[in-house]
Amino acid sequence: MDVKIEQMIMDKLIQQGYAKRKIDYQEFLKLYEPYKTEMQESDFANIIGIKYGNYMNMKSKHKNVIILKNISISEKKGKK
């Protein structure tokens, strides 16, 4: 996966207020929708900071997960 595309996805989600936010699988699918022809769900999950085990729990056990949790405050402010 192209690093520029990964950064673009993260920047877009940060601007939309998703940093350190809990989401469920349905919301994940909404976020994934624009990229579904370019990558697999698990790849998108990895880009937004969801480890594979957490991705599977979210998908199969309907657990909420936190996305973009490794984003620092300065990164969040700098992207507004």
PDB file of N, CA and C in Angstrom:
ATOM      1  N   MET A   1       0.851  -1.188   0.000  1.00  0.00           N
ATOM      2  CA  MET A   1       0.000   0.000   0.000  1.00  0.00           C
ATOM      3  C   MET A   1       0.887   1.238   0.000  1.00  0.00           C
ATOM      4  N   ASP A   2       0.525   2.203  -0.786  1.00  0.00           N
ATOM      5  CA  ASP A   2       1.267   3.454  -0.914  1.00  0.00           C
ATOM      6  C   ASP A   2       1.172   4.261   0.386  1.00  0.00           C
ATOM      7  N   VAL A   3       2.317   4.687   0.882  1.00  0.00           N
ATOM      8  CA  VAL A   3       2.370   5.441   2.138  1.00  0.00           C
ATOM      9  C   VAL A   3       1.581   6.745   2.004  1.00  0.00           C
ATOM     10  N   LYS A   4       1.584   7.369   0.848  1.00  0.00           N
ATOM     11  CA  LYS A   4       0.841   8.623   0.643  1.00  0.00           C
ATOM     12  C   LYS A   4      -0.665   8.390   0.788  1.00  0.00           C
ATOM     13  N   ILE A   5      -1.154   7.280   0.270  1.00  0.00           N
ATOM     14  CA  ILE A   5      -2.576   6.957   0.392  1.00  0.00           C
ATOM     15  C   ILE A   5      -2.921   6.708   1.856  1.00  0.00           C
ATOM     16  N   GLU A   6      -2.073   5.969   2.549  1.00  0.00           N
ATOM     17  CA  GLU A   6      -2.306   5.711   3.970  1.00  0.00           C
ATOM     18  C   GLU A   6      -2.371   7.014   4.755  1.00  0.00           C
ATOM     19  N   GLN A   7      -1.432   7.916   4.497  1.00  0.00           N
ATOM     20  CA  GLN A   7      -1.405   9.201   5.201  1.00  0.00           C
ATOM     21  C   GLN A   7      -2.634  10.029   4.851  1.00  0.00           C
ATOM     22  N   MET A   8      -3.057   9.999   3.588  1.00  0.00           N
ATOM     23  CA  MET A   8      -4.233  10.729   3.155  1.00  0.00           C
ATOM     24  C   MET A   8      -5.485  10.245   3.897  1.00  0.00           C
ATOM     25  N   ILE A   9      -5.602   8.927   4.033  1.00  0.00           N
ATOM     26  CA  ILE A   9      -6.744   8.348   4.751  1.00  0.00           C
ATOM     27  C   ILE A   9      -6.728   8.794   6.203  1.00  0.00           C
ATOM     28  N   MET A  10      -5.581   8.690   6.850  1.00  0.00           N
ATOM     29  CA  MET A  10      -5.481   9.086   8.256  1.00  0.00           C
ATOM     30  C   MET A  10      -5.777  10.577   8.426  1.00  0.00           C
ATOM     31  N   ASP A  11      -5.214  11.413   7.559  1.00  0.00           N
ATOM     32  CA  ASP A  11      -5.445  12.858   7.638  1.00  0.00           C
ATOM     33  C   ASP A  11      -6.929  13.188   7.496  1.00  0.00           C
ATOM     34  N   LYS A  12      -7.579  12.538   6.548  1.00  0.00           N
ATOM     35  CA  LYS A  12      -9.005  12.789   6.310  1.00  0.00           C
ATOM     36  C   LYS A  12      -9.837  12.422   7.540  1.00  0.00           C
ATOM     37  N   LEU A  13      -9.545  11.274   8.130  1.00  0.00           N
ATOM     38  CA  LEU A  13     -10.302  10.835   9.296  1.00  0.00           C
ATOM     39  C   LEU A  13     -10.020  11.705  10.521  1.00  0.00           C
ATOM     40  N   ILE A  14      -8.787  12.159  10.664  1.00  0.00           N
ATOM     41  CA  ILE A  14      -8.437  13.067  11.762  1.00  0.00           C
ATOM     42  C   ILE A  14      -9.213  14.373  11.614  1.00  0.00           C
ATOM     43  N   GLN A  15      -9.258  14.902  10.397  1.00  0.00           N
ATOM     44  CA  GLN A  15      -9.987  16.147  10.140  1.00  0.00           C
ATOM     45  C   GLN A  15     -11.474  15.989  10.438  1.00  0.00           C
ATOM     46  N   GLN A  16     -11.992  14.793  10.266  1.00  0.00           N
ATOM     47  CA  GLN A  16     -13.404  14.526  10.528  1.00  0.00           C
ATOM     48  C   GLN A  16     -13.670  14.191  11.996  1.00  0.00           C
ATOM     49  N   GLY A  17     -12.621  14.248  12.820  1.00  0.00           N
ATOM     50  CA  GLY A  17     -12.784  14.046  14.253  1.00  0.00           C
ATOM     51  C   GLY A  17     -12.766  12.598  14.714  1.00  0.00           C
ATOM     52  N   TYR A  18     -12.172  11.723  13.939  1.00  0.00           N
ATOM     53  CA  TYR A  18     -12.168  10.302  14.301  1.00  0.00           C
ATOM     54  C   TYR A  18     -10.984   9.868  15.147  1.00  0.00           C
ATOM     55  N   ALA A  19     -10.020  10.733  15.402  1.00  0.00           N
ATOM     56  CA  ALA A  19      -8.861  10.337  16.205  1.00  0.00           C
ATOM     57  C   ALA A  19      -9.307   9.911  17.598  1.00  0.00           C
ATOM     58  N   LYS A  20      -8.861   8.741  18.010  1.00  0.00           N
ATOM     59  CA  LYS A  20      -9.128   8.175  19.336  1.00  0.00           C
ATOM     60  C   LYS A  20     -10.621   8.001  19.605  1.00  0.00           C
ATOM     61  N   ARG A  21     -11.380   7.722  18.582  1.00  0.00           N
ATOM     62  CA  ARG A  21     -12.828   7.563  18.708  1.00  0.00           C
ATOM     63  C   ARG A  21     -13.212   6.090  18.622  1.00  0.00           C
ATOM     64  N   LYS A  22     -14.190   5.678  19.429  1.00  0.00           N
ATOM     65  CA  LYS A  22     -14.698   4.305  19.375  1.00  0.00           C
ATOM     66  C   LYS A  22     -15.705   4.186  18.236  1.00  0.00           C
ATOM     67  N   ILE A  23     -15.548   3.120  17.456  1.00  0.00           N
ATOM     68  CA  ILE A  23     -16.500   2.860  16.386  1.00  0.00           C
ATOM     69  C   ILE A  23     -16.912   1.393  16.435  1.00  0.00           C
ATOM     70  N   ASP A  24     -18.061   1.105  15.854  1.00  0.00           N
ATOM     71  CA  ASP A  24     -18.502  -0.279  15.703  1.00  0.00           C
ATOM     72  C   ASP A  24     -18.283  -0.705  14.252  1.00  0.00           C
ATOM     73  N   TYR A  25     -18.638  -1.939  13.948  1.00  0.00           N
ATOM     74  CA  TYR A  25     -18.384  -2.470  12.611  1.00  0.00           C
ATOM     75  C   TYR A  25     -19.179  -1.725  11.546  1.00  0.00           C
ATOM     76  N   GLN A  26     -20.391  -1.321  11.849  1.00  0.00           N
ATOM     77  CA  GLN A  26     -21.204  -0.598  10.859  1.00  0.00           C
ATOM     78  C   GLN A  26     -20.565   0.743  10.500  1.00  0.00           C
ATOM     79  N   GLU A  27     -20.061   1.451  11.493  1.00  0.00           N
ATOM     80  CA  GLU A  27     -19.391   2.720  11.216  1.00  0.00           C
ATOM     81  C   GLU A  27     -18.078   2.473  10.476  1.00  0.00           C
ATOM     82  N   PHE A  28     -17.383   1.410  10.833  1.00  0.00           N
ATOM     83  CA  PHE A  28     -16.162   1.036  10.117  1.00  0.00           C
ATOM     84  C   PHE A  28     -16.461   0.849   8.628  1.00  0.00           C
ATOM     85  N   LEU A  29     -17.552   0.149   8.328  1.00  0.00           N
ATOM     86  CA  LEU A  29     -17.908  -0.092   6.924  1.00  0.00           C
ATOM     87  C   LEU A  29     -18.198   1.208   6.183  1.00  0.00           C
ATOM     88  N   LYS A  30     -18.794   2.181   6.856  1.00  0.00           N
ATOM     89  CA  LYS A  30     -19.050   3.488   6.232  1.00  0.00           C
ATOM     90  C   LYS A  30     -17.742   4.194   5.908  1.00  0.00           C
ATOM     91  N   LEU A  31     -16.789   4.106   6.829  1.00  0.00           N
ATOM     92  CA  LEU A  31     -15.482   4.734   6.603  1.00  0.00           C
ATOM     93  C   LEU A  31     -14.709   4.015   5.501  1.00  0.00           C
ATOM     94  N   TYR A  32     -14.875   2.718   5.437  1.00  0.00           N
ATOM     95  CA  TYR A  32     -14.163   1.877   4.472  1.00  0.00           C
ATOM     96  C   TYR A  32     -14.738   1.999   3.055  1.00  0.00           C
ATOM     97  N   GLU A  33     -16.005   2.338   2.935  1.00  0.00           N
ATOM     98  CA  GLU A  33     -16.724   2.363   1.657  1.00  0.00           C
ATOM     99  C   GLU A  33     -15.951   3.017   0.499  1.00  0.00           C
ATOM    100  N   PRO A  34     -15.390   4.221   0.668  1.00  0.00           N
ATOM    101  CA  PRO A  34     -14.695   4.851  -0.468  1.00  0.00           C
ATOM    102  C   PRO A  34     -13.436   4.108  -0.942  1.00  0.00           C
ATOM    103  N   TYR A  35     -12.924   3.205  -0.117  1.00  0.00           N
ATOM    104  CA  TYR A  35     -11.648   2.544  -0.416  1.00  0.00           C
ATOM    105  C   TYR A  35     -11.800   1.053  -0.721  1.00  0.00           C
ATOM    106  N   LYS A  36     -13.047   0.554  -0.737  1.00  0.00           N
ATOM    107  CA  LYS A  36     -13.256  -0.891  -0.834  1.00  0.00           C
ATOM    108  C   LYS A  36     -12.791  -1.495  -2.153  1.00  0.00           C
ATOM    109  N   THR A  37     -12.686  -0.704  -3.210  1.00  0.00           N
ATOM    110  CA  THR A  37     -12.180  -1.242  -4.479  1.00  0.00           C
ATOM    111  C   THR A  37     -10.654  -1.220  -4.534  1.00  0.00           C
ATOM    112  N   GLU A  38     -10.038  -0.497  -3.588  1.00  0.00           N
ATOM    113  CA  GLU A  38      -8.587  -0.345  -3.588  1.00  0.00           C
ATOM    114  C   GLU A  38      -7.862  -1.267  -2.614  1.00  0.00           C
ATOM    115  N   MET A  39      -8.595  -1.744  -1.570  1.00  0.00           N
ATOM    116  CA  MET A  39      -7.935  -2.546  -0.545  1.00  0.00           C
ATOM    117  C   MET A  39      -8.944  -3.416   0.180  1.00  0.00           C
ATOM    118  N   GLN A  40      -8.433  -4.389   0.895  1.00  0.00           N
ATOM    119  CA  GLN A  40      -9.270  -5.271   1.702  1.00  0.00           C
ATOM    120  C   GLN A  40      -9.626  -4.576   3.016  1.00  0.00           C
ATOM    121  N   GLU A  41     -10.711  -5.036   3.636  1.00  0.00           N
ATOM    122  CA  GLU A  41     -11.132  -4.486   4.923  1.00  0.00           C
ATOM    123  C   GLU A  41     -10.014  -4.541   5.960  1.00  0.00           C
ATOM    124  N   SER A  42      -9.330  -5.663   6.022  1.00  0.00           N
ATOM    125  CA  SER A  42      -8.286  -5.834   7.041  1.00  0.00           C
ATOM    126  C   SER A  42      -7.126  -4.861   6.812  1.00  0.00           C
ATOM    127  N   ASP A  43      -6.828  -4.546   5.551  1.00  0.00           N
ATOM    128  CA  ASP A  43      -5.774  -3.566   5.256  1.00  0.00           C
ATOM    129  C   ASP A  43      -6.195  -2.166   5.707  1.00  0.00           C
ATOM    130  N   PHE A  44      -7.450  -1.821   5.440  1.00  0.00           N
ATOM    131  CA  PHE A  44      -7.974  -0.520   5.871  1.00  0.00           C
ATOM    132  C   PHE A  44      -7.950  -0.440   7.398  1.00  0.00           C
ATOM    133  N   ALA A  45      -8.362  -1.509   8.050  1.00  0.00           N
ATOM    134  CA  ALA A  45      -8.348  -1.546   9.511  1.00  0.00           C
ATOM    135  C   ALA A  45      -6.933  -1.283  10.036  1.00  0.00           C
ATOM    136  N   ASN A  46      -5.958  -1.903   9.424  1.00  0.00           N
ATOM    137  CA  ASN A  46      -4.570  -1.716   9.833  1.00  0.00           C
ATOM    138  C   ASN A  46      -4.139  -0.253   9.663  1.00  0.00           C
ATOM    139  N   ILE A  47      -4.517   0.363   8.567  1.00  0.00           N
ATOM    140  CA  ILE A  47      -4.156   1.761   8.304  1.00  0.00           C
ATOM    141  C   ILE A  47      -4.692   2.681   9.395  1.00  0.00           C
ATOM    142  N   ILE A  48      -5.914   2.420   9.845  1.00  0.00           N
ATOM    143  CA  ILE A  48      -6.506   3.309  10.855  1.00  0.00           C
ATOM    144  C   ILE A  48      -6.226   2.845  12.286  1.00  0.00           C
ATOM    145  N   GLY A  49      -5.284   1.930  12.422  1.00  0.00           N
ATOM    146  CA  GLY A  49      -4.769   1.567  13.739  1.00  0.00           C
ATOM    147  C   GLY A  49      -5.501   0.451  14.458  1.00  0.00           C
ATOM    148  N   ILE A  50      -6.239  -0.364  13.718  1.00  0.00           N
ATOM    149  CA  ILE A  50      -6.933  -1.493  14.339  1.00  0.00           C
ATOM    150  C   ILE A  50      -6.118  -2.757  14.076  1.00  0.00           C
ATOM    151  N   LYS A  51      -5.633  -3.378  15.133  1.00  0.00           N
ATOM    152  CA  LYS A  51      -4.884  -4.627  14.976  1.00  0.00           C
ATOM    153  C   LYS A  51      -5.824  -5.732  14.507  1.00  0.00           C
ATOM    154  N   TYR A  52      -5.262  -6.752  13.878  1.00  0.00           N
ATOM    155  CA  TYR A  52      -6.074  -7.799  13.269  1.00  0.00           C
ATOM    156  C   TYR A  52      -7.024  -8.468  14.266  1.00  0.00           C
ATOM    157  N   GLY A  53      -6.539  -8.781  15.459  1.00  0.00           N
ATOM    158  CA  GLY A  53      -7.382  -9.428  16.466  1.00  0.00           C
ATOM    159  C   GLY A  53      -8.566  -8.548  16.864  1.00  0.00           C
ATOM    160  N   ASN A  54      -8.308  -7.246  17.022  1.00  0.00           N
ATOM    161  CA  ASN A  54      -9.379  -6.316  17.354  1.00  0.00           C
ATOM    162  C   ASN A  54     -10.356  -6.164  16.185  1.00  0.00           C
ATOM    163  N   TYR A  55      -9.814  -6.182  14.975  1.00  0.00           N
ATOM    164  CA  TYR A  55     -10.667  -6.121  13.783  1.00  0.00           C
ATOM    165  C   TYR A  55     -11.616  -7.314  13.751  1.00  0.00           C
ATOM    166  N   MET A  56     -11.102  -8.504  14.028  1.00  0.00           N
ATOM    167  CA  MET A  56     -11.939  -9.702  14.013  1.00  0.00           C
ATOM    168  C   MET A  56     -12.985  -9.665  15.135  1.00  0.00           C
ATOM    169  N   ASN A  57     -12.601  -9.160  16.315  1.00  0.00           N
ATOM    170  CA  ASN A  57     -13.564  -9.022  17.407  1.00  0.00           C
ATOM    171  C   ASN A  57     -14.662  -8.022  17.048  1.00  0.00           C
ATOM    172  N   MET A  58     -14.279  -6.930  16.416  1.00  0.00           N
ATOM    173  CA  MET A  58     -15.254  -5.928  15.998  1.00  0.00           C
ATOM    174  C   MET A  58     -16.227  -6.531  14.982  1.00  0.00           C
ATOM    175  N   LYS A  59     -15.686  -7.279  14.052  1.00  0.00           N
ATOM    176  CA  LYS A  59     -16.490  -7.828  12.963  1.00  0.00           C
ATOM    177  C   LYS A  59     -17.378  -8.990  13.426  1.00  0.00           C
ATOM    178  N   SER A  60     -16.818  -9.912  14.171  1.00  0.00           N
ATOM    179  CA  SER A  60     -17.571 -11.123  14.504  1.00  0.00           C
ATOM    180  C   SER A  60     -18.289 -11.072  15.853  1.00  0.00           C
ATOM    181  N   LYS A  61     -17.734 -10.329  16.793  1.00  0.00           N
ATOM    182  CA  LYS A  61     -18.329 -10.285  18.138  1.00  0.00           C
ATOM    183  C   LYS A  61     -19.010  -8.948  18.435  1.00  0.00           C
ATOM    184  N   HIS A  62     -19.057  -8.087  17.432  1.00  0.00           N
ATOM    185  CA  HIS A  62     -19.739  -6.790  17.541  1.00  0.00           C
ATOM    186  C   HIS A  62     -19.166  -5.914  18.648  1.00  0.00           C
ATOM    187  N   LYS A  63     -17.842  -5.932  18.786  1.00  0.00           N
ATOM    188  CA  LYS A  63     -17.158  -5.106  19.780  1.00  0.00           C
ATOM    189  C   LYS A  63     -16.815  -3.755  19.163  1.00  0.00           C
ATOM    190  N   ASN A  64     -16.787  -2.712  19.980  1.00  0.00           N
ATOM    191  CA  ASN A  64     -16.326  -1.404  19.531  1.00  0.00           C
ATOM    192  C   ASN A  64     -14.804  -1.358  19.640  1.00  0.00           C
ATOM    193  N   VAL A  65     -14.180  -0.612  18.741  1.00  0.00           N
ATOM    194  CA  VAL A  65     -12.731  -0.444  18.771  1.00  0.00           C
ATOM    195  C   VAL A  65     -12.400   1.041  18.667  1.00  0.00           C
ATOM    196  N   ILE A  66     -11.232   1.396  19.173  1.00  0.00           N
ATOM    197  CA  ILE A  66     -10.754   2.773  19.079  1.00  0.00           C
ATOM    198  C   ILE A  66      -9.844   2.864  17.857  1.00  0.00           C
ATOM    199  N   ILE A  67     -10.090   3.881  17.031  1.00  0.00           N
ATOM    200  CA  ILE A  67      -9.255   4.061  15.838  1.00  0.00           C
ATOM    201  C   ILE A  67      -8.330   5.260  16.025  1.00  0.00           C
ATOM    202  N   LEU A  68      -7.252   5.259  15.270  1.00  0.00           N
ATOM    203  CA  LEU A  68      -6.264   6.339  15.264  1.00  0.00           C
ATOM    204  C   LEU A  68      -5.844   6.709  16.686  1.00  0.00           C
ATOM    205  N   LYS A  69      -5.612   5.697  17.510  1.00  0.00           N
ATOM    206  CA  LYS A  69      -5.293   5.974  18.907  1.00  0.00           C
ATOM    207  C   LYS A  69      -3.848   6.372  19.146  1.00  0.00           C
ATOM    208  N   ASN A  70      -2.974   6.235  18.173  1.00  0.00           N
ATOM    209  CA  ASN A  70      -1.577   6.613  18.342  1.00  0.00           C
ATOM    210  C   ASN A  70      -1.268   7.995  17.773  1.00  0.00           C
ATOM    211  N   ILE A  71      -2.314   8.794  17.554  1.00  0.00           N
ATOM    212  CA  ILE A  71      -2.141  10.141  17.025  1.00  0.00           C
ATOM    213  C   ILE A  71      -1.901  11.084  18.201  1.00  0.00           C
ATOM    214  N   SER A  72      -0.859  11.903  18.090  1.00  0.00           N
ATOM    215  CA  SER A  72      -0.555  12.840  19.174  1.00  0.00           C
ATOM    216  C   SER A  72      -1.448  14.078  19.047  1.00  0.00           C
ATOM    217  N   ILE A  73      -1.547  14.826  20.133  1.00  0.00           N
ATOM    218  CA  ILE A  73      -2.355  16.044  20.155  1.00  0.00           C
ATOM    219  C   ILE A  73      -1.862  17.026  19.104  1.00  0.00           C
ATOM    220  N   SER A  74      -0.552  17.170  18.947  1.00  0.00           N
ATOM    221  CA  SER A  74      -0.007  18.129  17.984  1.00  0.00           C
ATOM    222  C   SER A  74      -0.366  17.728  16.559  1.00  0.00           C
ATOM    223  N   GLU A  75      -0.394  16.434  16.261  1.00  0.00           N
ATOM    224  CA  GLU A  75      -0.788  15.997  14.933  1.00  0.00           C
ATOM    225  C   GLU A  75      -2.248  16.333  14.675  1.00  0.00           C
ATOM    226  N   LYS A  76      -3.093  16.138  15.688  1.00  0.00           N
ATOM    227  CA  LYS A  76      -4.507  16.439  15.533  1.00  0.00           C
ATOM    228  C   LYS A  76      -4.711  17.929  15.277  1.00  0.00           C
ATOM    229  N   LYS A  77      -4.018  18.782  16.045  1.00  0.00           N
ATOM    230  CA  LYS A  77      -4.158  20.230  15.879  1.00  0.00           C
ATOM    231  C   LYS A  77      -3.595  20.706  14.554  1.00  0.00           C
ATOM    232  N   GLY A  78      -2.502  20.116  14.122  1.00  0.00           N
ATOM    233  CA  GLY A  78      -1.852  20.540  12.900  1.00  0.00           C
ATOM    234  C   GLY A  78      -2.627  20.203  11.634  1.00  0.00           C
ATOM    235  N   LYS A  79      -3.579  19.326  11.719  1.00  0.00           N
ATOM    236  CA  LYS A  79      -4.316  18.872  10.542  1.00  0.00           C
ATOM    237  C   LYS A  79      -5.652  19.584  10.350  1.00  0.00           C
ATOM    238  N   LYS A  80      -5.980  20.539  11.217  1.00  0.00           N
ATOM    239  CA  LYS A  80      -7.274  21.230  11.113  1.00  0.00           C
ATOM    240  C   LYS A  80      -7.310  22.189   9.972  1.00  0.00           C
TER     241      LYS A  80
END
